[in-house]
Amino acid sequence: MTKDDNFYMQQAIAEARKALSEGEIPIGAVVVCRGDIIARGHNLTETLKDVTAHAEMQALTAAADTIGGKYLQDCTLYVTVEPCVMCAGAIGWSQMGRVVFGTADEKRGYQRFAPEALHPKTQVTAGILEEECRRLMVDFFKGRRLN
């Protein structure tokens, strides 16, 4: 059986749930290379007190360490929410072959502020398990407003 985008996005969602359980904004990411998950990450900005500790940055760093190099042309990044400009820049520098995200981030996503940030050869797929990814974010911020 070939694993598909839904399977890998479910893995990213599992990472987002880890973030949520740790009091972080629920965004998760996995990097897949030739059918294998080689890296996982979720937001750690509160835990590490580091504004750059986004899920994508954690996953990119782990992937580069796993393959022993900084270029990830043969890899796909699955992330529950559209990357921000900072992450899109890092993804671009990594020359990621493909980016798949669940839900758009209309307020802070790279497509609004820097649509050319990714490497020109990077393929982008949006909307995989979009409702589940969006619901994690909506519920998280709704809960914050109630407290």
N, C-alpha and C. Protein backbone atom coordinates (compact mmCIF):
# COMPACT_ATOMS: atom_id res chain seq x y z
N MET A 1 0.83 -1.19 0.00
CA MET A 1 0.00 0.00 0.00
C MET A 1 0.88 1.25 0.00
N THR A 2 0.56 2.18 -0.85
CA THR A 2 1.29 3.44 -0.91
C THR A 2 0.66 4.42 0.08
N LYS A 3 1.49 5.01 0.88
CA LYS A 3 1.00 6.03 1.80
C LYS A 3 0.74 7.29 1.01
N ASP A 4 -0.30 8.01 1.37
CA ASP A 4 -0.67 9.20 0.62
C ASP A 4 -0.62 10.46 1.48
N ASP A 5 -0.97 11.57 0.86
CA ASP A 5 -0.92 12.85 1.57
C ASP A 5 -1.76 12.84 2.84
N ASN A 6 -2.91 12.17 2.82
CA ASN A 6 -3.75 12.13 4.02
C ASN A 6 -3.03 11.43 5.17
N PHE A 7 -2.35 10.33 4.87
CA PHE A 7 -1.61 9.60 5.91
C PHE A 7 -0.55 10.49 6.55
N TYR A 8 0.25 11.12 5.72
CA TYR A 8 1.34 11.95 6.26
C TYR A 8 0.81 13.19 6.97
N MET A 9 -0.31 13.75 6.48
CA MET A 9 -0.89 14.90 7.19
C MET A 9 -1.43 14.44 8.54
N GLN A 10 -1.95 13.23 8.63
CA GLN A 10 -2.38 12.71 9.94
C GLN A 10 -1.20 12.66 10.90
N GLN A 11 -0.02 12.35 10.40
CA GLN A 11 1.18 12.33 11.24
C GLN A 11 1.52 13.75 11.70
N ALA A 12 1.36 14.73 10.83
CA ALA A 12 1.59 16.13 11.21
C ALA A 12 0.55 16.57 12.24
N ILE A 13 -0.68 16.12 12.06
CA ILE A 13 -1.74 16.44 13.03
C ILE A 13 -1.41 15.84 14.40
N ALA A 14 -0.85 14.64 14.41
CA ALA A 14 -0.43 14.03 15.69
C ALA A 14 0.61 14.91 16.37
N GLU A 15 1.52 15.48 15.59
CA GLU A 15 2.51 16.41 16.16
C GLU A 15 1.82 17.67 16.69
N ALA A 16 0.83 18.16 15.96
CA ALA A 16 0.09 19.35 16.42
C ALA A 16 -0.60 19.06 17.75
N ARG A 17 -1.12 17.87 17.89
CA ARG A 17 -1.77 17.49 19.15
C ARG A 17 -0.75 17.43 20.30
N LYS A 18 0.47 17.01 20.00
CA LYS A 18 1.54 17.05 21.02
C LYS A 18 1.77 18.49 21.46
N ALA A 19 1.84 19.39 20.48
CA ALA A 19 2.04 20.81 20.81
C ALA A 19 0.91 21.29 21.72
N LEU A 20 -0.31 20.96 21.37
CA LEU A 20 -1.48 21.36 22.15
C LEU A 20 -1.37 20.84 23.58
N SER A 21 -0.97 19.59 23.73
CA SER A 21 -0.86 19.01 25.08
C SER A 21 0.23 19.67 25.91
N GLU A 22 1.17 20.35 25.23
CA GLU A 22 2.25 21.06 25.92
C GLU A 22 1.97 22.55 26.07
N GLY A 23 0.74 22.98 25.74
CA GLY A 23 0.37 24.38 25.87
C GLY A 23 0.88 25.25 24.74
N GLU A 24 1.27 24.64 23.65
CA GLU A 24 1.77 25.36 22.47
C GLU A 24 0.66 25.53 21.45
N ILE A 25 0.83 26.49 20.55
CA ILE A 25 -0.09 26.61 19.43
C ILE A 25 -0.01 25.30 18.64
N PRO A 26 -1.16 24.67 18.34
CA PRO A 26 -1.15 23.33 17.76
C PRO A 26 -0.82 23.29 16.27
N ILE A 27 0.46 23.37 15.98
CA ILE A 27 0.94 23.22 14.61
C ILE A 27 1.98 22.11 14.64
N GLY A 28 1.84 21.19 13.69
CA GLY A 28 2.76 20.07 13.60
C GLY A 28 3.28 19.90 12.19
N ALA A 29 4.43 19.23 12.08
CA ALA A 29 5.06 19.03 10.78
C ALA A 29 5.81 17.71 10.76
N VAL A 30 5.87 17.12 9.58
CA VAL A 30 6.73 15.96 9.34
C VAL A 30 7.42 16.16 8.00
N VAL A 31 8.61 15.61 7.87
CA VAL A 31 9.33 15.62 6.61
C VAL A 31 9.43 14.18 6.14
N VAL A 32 9.04 13.97 4.89
CA VAL A 32 9.03 12.64 4.28
C VAL A 32 10.04 12.63 3.14
N CYS A 33 10.85 11.59 3.10
CA CYS A 33 11.82 11.42 2.03
C CYS A 33 11.72 10.00 1.51
N ARG A 34 11.38 9.88 0.24
CA ARG A 34 11.25 8.57 -0.42
C ARG A 34 10.33 7.63 0.35
N GLY A 35 9.22 8.18 0.85
CA GLY A 35 8.21 7.38 1.53
C GLY A 35 8.41 7.18 3.01
N ASP A 36 9.52 7.62 3.55
CA ASP A 36 9.79 7.46 4.98
C ASP A 36 9.75 8.80 5.70
N ILE A 37 9.15 8.81 6.88
CA ILE A 37 9.19 10.00 7.72
C ILE A 37 10.58 10.07 8.33
N ILE A 38 11.31 11.14 7.99
CA ILE A 38 12.68 11.28 8.50
C ILE A 38 12.79 12.33 9.60
N ALA A 39 11.71 13.11 9.80
CA ALA A 39 11.76 14.14 10.85
C ALA A 39 10.34 14.52 11.25
N ARG A 40 10.22 14.91 12.49
CA ARG A 40 8.95 15.38 13.05
C ARG A 40 9.23 16.65 13.84
N GLY A 41 8.21 17.49 13.94
CA GLY A 41 8.35 18.69 14.75
C GLY A 41 7.00 19.27 15.10
N HIS A 42 6.97 19.99 16.18
CA HIS A 42 5.77 20.76 16.55
C HIS A 42 6.24 22.04 17.22
N ASN A 43 5.32 22.97 17.33
CA ASN A 43 5.68 24.26 17.91
C ASN A 43 6.27 24.08 19.31
N LEU A 44 7.35 24.81 19.56
CA LEU A 44 8.01 24.80 20.87
C LEU A 44 8.35 26.23 21.31
N THR A 45 7.64 27.20 20.78
CA THR A 45 7.99 28.60 21.06
C THR A 45 7.84 28.96 22.54
N GLU A 46 6.82 28.43 23.19
CA GLU A 46 6.62 28.71 24.61
C GLU A 46 7.62 27.92 25.46
N THR A 47 7.77 26.66 25.13
CA THR A 47 8.66 25.78 25.89
C THR A 47 10.09 26.28 25.87
N LEU A 48 10.56 26.65 24.68
CA LEU A 48 11.94 27.09 24.52
C LEU A 48 12.12 28.60 24.68
N LYS A 49 10.98 29.31 24.81
CA LYS A 49 11.01 30.78 24.87
C LYS A 49 11.81 31.33 23.68
N ASP A 50 11.45 30.81 22.50
CA ASP A 50 12.16 31.11 21.26
C ASP A 50 11.14 31.32 20.15
N VAL A 51 11.06 32.54 19.64
CA VAL A 51 10.08 32.85 18.60
C VAL A 51 10.34 32.11 17.29
N THR A 52 11.53 31.55 17.12
CA THR A 52 11.84 30.82 15.89
C THR A 52 11.56 29.32 16.00
N ALA A 53 11.08 28.86 17.12
CA ALA A 53 10.90 27.42 17.35
C ALA A 53 9.56 26.91 16.79
N HIS A 54 9.29 27.27 15.55
CA HIS A 54 8.07 26.82 14.88
C HIS A 54 8.21 25.35 14.48
N ALA A 55 7.09 24.70 14.27
CA ALA A 55 7.07 23.28 13.89
C ALA A 55 7.94 23.01 12.67
N GLU A 56 7.82 23.86 11.66
CA GLU A 56 8.58 23.67 10.43
C GLU A 56 10.08 23.76 10.68
N MET A 57 10.49 24.71 11.49
CA MET A 57 11.91 24.89 11.79
C MET A 57 12.46 23.67 12.53
N GLN A 58 11.67 23.14 13.46
CA GLN A 58 12.09 21.94 14.19
C GLN A 58 12.25 20.77 13.22
N ALA A 59 11.28 20.61 12.33
CA ALA A 59 11.31 19.50 11.38
C ALA A 59 12.44 19.65 10.37
N LEU A 60 12.67 20.86 9.88
CA LEU A 60 13.75 21.09 8.91
C LEU A 60 15.11 20.76 9.53
N THR A 61 15.33 21.21 10.74
CA THR A 61 16.59 20.95 11.42
C THR A 61 16.80 19.45 11.62
N ALA A 62 15.76 18.77 12.07
CA ALA A 62 15.86 17.32 12.29
C ALA A 62 16.09 16.58 10.96
N ALA A 63 15.42 17.01 9.90
CA ALA A 63 15.58 16.35 8.59
C ALA A 63 17.00 16.52 8.07
N ALA A 64 17.52 17.73 8.16
CA ALA A 64 18.89 17.98 7.70
C ALA A 64 19.88 17.12 8.49
N ASP A 65 19.64 16.99 9.78
CA ASP A 65 20.51 16.16 10.62
C ASP A 65 20.41 14.69 10.20
N THR A 66 19.20 14.23 9.91
CA THR A 66 18.98 12.83 9.52
C THR A 66 19.69 12.49 8.22
N ILE A 67 19.58 13.38 7.23
CA ILE A 67 20.18 13.05 5.93
C ILE A 67 21.64 13.51 5.83
N GLY A 68 22.07 14.30 6.79
CA GLY A 68 23.46 14.75 6.79
C GLY A 68 23.74 15.86 5.79
N GLY A 69 22.73 16.66 5.50
CA GLY A 69 22.91 17.78 4.58
C GLY A 69 21.76 18.74 4.67
N LYS A 70 21.98 19.96 4.19
CA LYS A 70 20.97 21.00 4.35
C LYS A 70 19.95 21.07 3.22
N TYR A 71 20.20 20.40 2.11
CA TYR A 71 19.28 20.48 0.98
C TYR A 71 18.32 19.30 0.99
N LEU A 72 17.04 19.61 0.85
CA LEU A 72 15.98 18.62 1.00
C LEU A 72 15.14 18.51 -0.28
N GLN A 73 15.79 18.53 -1.44
CA GLN A 73 15.07 18.52 -2.72
C GLN A 73 14.22 17.27 -2.90
N ASP A 74 14.63 16.16 -2.34
CA ASP A 74 13.92 14.90 -2.51
C ASP A 74 12.88 14.66 -1.41
N CYS A 75 12.57 15.70 -0.66
CA CYS A 75 11.69 15.56 0.50
C CYS A 75 10.40 16.36 0.34
N THR A 76 9.42 15.98 1.15
CA THR A 76 8.16 16.70 1.24
C THR A 76 7.93 17.09 2.69
N LEU A 77 7.58 18.35 2.90
CA LEU A 77 7.20 18.84 4.23
C LEU A 77 5.68 18.84 4.31
N TYR A 78 5.15 18.17 5.31
CA TYR A 78 3.72 18.22 5.62
C TYR A 78 3.58 19.05 6.87
N VAL A 79 2.75 20.08 6.81
CA VAL A 79 2.55 20.96 7.96
C VAL A 79 1.07 21.32 8.05
N THR A 80 0.56 21.37 9.27
CA THR A 80 -0.89 21.54 9.45
C THR A 80 -1.38 22.92 9.06
N VAL A 81 -0.53 23.92 9.16
CA VAL A 81 -0.92 25.30 8.85
C VAL A 81 0.09 25.89 7.86
N GLU A 82 -0.39 26.69 6.94
CA GLU A 82 0.48 27.37 5.97
C GLU A 82 1.66 28.01 6.68
N PRO A 83 2.86 27.79 6.20
CA PRO A 83 4.04 28.38 6.84
C PRO A 83 4.01 29.91 6.84
N CYS A 84 4.62 30.48 7.87
CA CYS A 84 4.80 31.93 7.94
C CYS A 84 5.97 32.32 7.03
N VAL A 85 6.23 33.60 6.94
CA VAL A 85 7.31 34.09 6.09
C VAL A 85 8.66 33.56 6.54
N MET A 86 8.92 33.54 7.84
CA MET A 86 10.20 33.03 8.34
C MET A 86 10.40 31.59 7.93
N CYS A 87 9.39 30.77 8.16
CA CYS A 87 9.50 29.35 7.82
C CYS A 87 9.59 29.15 6.32
N ALA A 88 8.82 29.92 5.56
CA ALA A 88 8.89 29.80 4.10
C ALA A 88 10.29 30.12 3.60
N GLY A 89 10.94 31.10 4.21
CA GLY A 89 12.32 31.42 3.83
C GLY A 89 13.25 30.26 4.10
N ALA A 90 13.12 29.64 5.26
CA ALA A 90 13.96 28.49 5.60
C ALA A 90 13.65 27.31 4.67
N ILE A 91 12.38 27.10 4.39
CA ILE A 91 11.99 26.03 3.47
C ILE A 91 12.59 26.30 2.09
N GLY A 92 12.57 27.55 1.67
CA GLY A 92 13.17 27.92 0.39
C GLY A 92 14.66 27.65 0.36
N TRP A 93 15.36 28.02 1.43
CA TRP A 93 16.81 27.79 1.48
C TRP A 93 17.13 26.30 1.50
N SER A 94 16.23 25.49 2.04
CA SER A 94 16.46 24.04 2.07
C SER A 94 16.19 23.39 0.72
N GLN A 95 15.60 24.14 -0.18
CA GLN A 95 15.23 23.64 -1.51
C GLN A 95 14.27 22.46 -1.42
N MET A 96 13.38 22.50 -0.44
CA MET A 96 12.38 21.44 -0.25
C MET A 96 11.67 21.16 -1.57
N GLY A 97 11.55 19.88 -1.89
CA GLY A 97 10.93 19.51 -3.15
C GLY A 97 9.45 19.80 -3.21
N ARG A 98 8.78 19.60 -2.08
CA ARG A 98 7.32 19.79 -2.05
C ARG A 98 6.90 20.22 -0.65
N VAL A 99 5.88 21.07 -0.59
CA VAL A 99 5.28 21.48 0.67
C VAL A 99 3.79 21.18 0.58
N VAL A 100 3.27 20.52 1.61
CA VAL A 100 1.85 20.21 1.70
C VAL A 100 1.35 20.80 3.01
N PHE A 101 0.35 21.67 2.93
CA PHE A 101 -0.20 22.19 4.19
C PHE A 101 -1.69 21.98 4.27
N GLY A 102 -2.17 21.95 5.51
CA GLY A 102 -3.58 21.69 5.76
C GLY A 102 -4.47 22.89 5.54
N THR A 103 -4.29 23.89 6.38
CA THR A 103 -5.15 25.06 6.32
C THR A 103 -4.32 26.32 6.07
N ALA A 104 -4.91 27.24 5.35
CA ALA A 104 -4.25 28.51 5.07
C ALA A 104 -4.19 29.36 6.33
N ASP A 105 -3.23 30.27 6.36
CA ASP A 105 -3.12 31.26 7.44
C ASP A 105 -3.25 32.62 6.77
N GLU A 106 -4.47 33.10 6.69
CA GLU A 106 -4.74 34.33 5.96
C GLU A 106 -4.12 35.57 6.62
N LYS A 107 -3.86 35.51 7.91
CA LYS A 107 -3.30 36.66 8.62
C LYS A 107 -1.77 36.71 8.57
N ARG A 108 -1.11 35.54 8.65
CA ARG A 108 0.35 35.53 8.76
C ARG A 108 1.06 34.58 7.80
N GLY A 109 0.32 33.97 6.89
CA GLY A 109 0.91 33.01 5.97
C GLY A 109 1.82 33.64 4.93
N TYR A 110 2.76 32.85 4.43
CA TYR A 110 3.74 33.36 3.46
C TYR A 110 3.07 33.81 2.17
N GLN A 111 1.96 33.19 1.79
CA GLN A 111 1.32 33.55 0.51
C GLN A 111 0.84 35.00 0.49
N ARG A 112 0.52 35.52 1.66
CA ARG A 112 0.07 36.92 1.75
C ARG A 112 1.25 37.88 1.65
N PHE A 113 2.33 37.57 2.36
CA PHE A 113 3.43 38.52 2.49
C PHE A 113 4.62 38.25 1.58
N ALA A 114 4.87 36.98 1.26
CA ALA A 114 6.06 36.64 0.47
C ALA A 114 5.78 35.41 -0.39
N PRO A 115 4.90 35.53 -1.36
CA PRO A 115 4.52 34.36 -2.16
C PRO A 115 5.67 33.75 -2.96
N GLU A 116 6.77 34.46 -3.10
CA GLU A 116 7.92 33.94 -3.85
C GLU A 116 9.02 33.40 -2.93
N ALA A 117 8.73 33.23 -1.65
CA ALA A 117 9.76 32.83 -0.69
C ALA A 117 10.27 31.40 -0.88
N LEU A 118 9.42 30.52 -1.35
CA LEU A 118 9.84 29.14 -1.54
C LEU A 118 10.76 29.03 -2.76
N HIS A 119 11.53 27.95 -2.82
CA HIS A 119 12.38 27.70 -3.98
C HIS A 119 11.50 27.60 -5.23
N PRO A 120 11.95 28.10 -6.35
CA PRO A 120 11.11 28.09 -7.57
C PRO A 120 10.65 26.70 -8.00
N LYS A 121 11.40 25.66 -7.66
CA LYS A 121 11.02 24.30 -8.06
C LYS A 121 10.12 23.60 -7.04
N THR A 122 9.90 24.22 -5.90
CA THR A 122 9.07 23.60 -4.86
C THR A 122 7.62 23.54 -5.31
N GLN A 123 7.04 22.37 -5.23
CA GLN A 123 5.62 22.20 -5.52
C GLN A 123 4.84 22.37 -4.23
N VAL A 124 3.67 23.00 -4.32
CA VAL A 124 2.85 23.26 -3.14
C VAL A 124 1.47 22.64 -3.34
N THR A 125 1.02 21.93 -2.32
CA THR A 125 -0.33 21.39 -2.28
C THR A 125 -0.98 21.90 -1.00
N ALA A 126 -2.15 22.49 -1.13
CA ALA A 126 -2.85 23.05 0.03
C ALA A 126 -4.19 22.33 0.23
N GLY A 127 -4.67 22.38 1.47
CA GLY A 127 -6.02 21.90 1.76
C GLY A 127 -6.13 20.43 2.10
N ILE A 128 -5.03 19.77 2.43
CA ILE A 128 -5.10 18.36 2.82
C ILE A 128 -5.57 18.27 4.28
N LEU A 129 -6.69 17.59 4.49
CA LEU A 129 -7.33 17.49 5.81
C LEU A 129 -7.53 18.88 6.41
N GLU A 130 -7.92 19.79 5.56
CA GLU A 130 -8.04 21.20 5.92
C GLU A 130 -8.94 21.45 7.12
N GLU A 131 -10.10 20.83 7.15
CA GLU A 131 -11.04 21.11 8.24
C GLU A 131 -10.48 20.67 9.59
N GLU A 132 -9.85 19.52 9.64
CA GLU A 132 -9.27 19.05 10.90
C GLU A 132 -8.14 19.96 11.36
N CYS A 133 -7.31 20.39 10.44
CA CYS A 133 -6.21 21.30 10.77
C CYS A 133 -6.74 22.66 11.22
N ARG A 134 -7.74 23.15 10.52
CA ARG A 134 -8.33 24.45 10.87
C ARG A 134 -9.01 24.37 12.24
N ARG A 135 -9.71 23.29 12.50
CA ARG A 135 -10.45 23.14 13.76
C ARG A 135 -9.50 23.15 14.95
N LEU A 136 -8.33 22.54 14.83
CA LEU A 136 -7.34 22.57 15.92
C LEU A 136 -6.99 24.01 16.29
N MET A 137 -6.77 24.82 15.27
CA MET A 137 -6.40 26.22 15.52
C MET A 137 -7.57 27.02 16.09
N VAL A 138 -8.73 26.87 15.49
CA VAL A 138 -9.91 27.62 15.94
C VAL A 138 -10.22 27.29 17.39
N ASP A 139 -10.23 26.01 17.72
CA ASP A 139 -10.55 25.60 19.09
C ASP A 139 -9.49 26.10 20.08
N PHE A 140 -8.23 26.06 19.68
CA PHE A 140 -7.16 26.54 20.56
C PHE A 140 -7.35 28.01 20.88
N PHE A 141 -7.54 28.83 19.87
CA PHE A 141 -7.66 30.27 20.12
C PHE A 141 -8.99 30.64 20.76
N LYS A 142 -10.03 29.90 20.49
CA LYS A 142 -11.30 30.13 21.17
C LYS A 142 -11.13 29.87 22.66
N GLY A 143 -10.42 28.79 23.00
CA GLY A 143 -10.14 28.48 24.40
C GLY A 143 -9.32 29.54 25.09
N ARG A 144 -8.39 30.11 24.38
CA ARG A 144 -7.56 31.19 24.95
C ARG A 144 -8.37 32.43 25.24
N ARG A 145 -9.32 32.75 24.36
CA ARG A 145 -10.14 33.95 24.55
C ARG A 145 -11.09 33.79 25.74
N LEU A 146 -11.48 32.54 26.03
CA LEU A 146 -12.40 32.29 27.14
C LEU A 146 -11.68 32.36 28.49
N ASN A 147 -10.39 32.17 28.49
CA ASN A 147 -9.66 32.16 29.76
C ASN A 147 -9.16 33.53 30.16
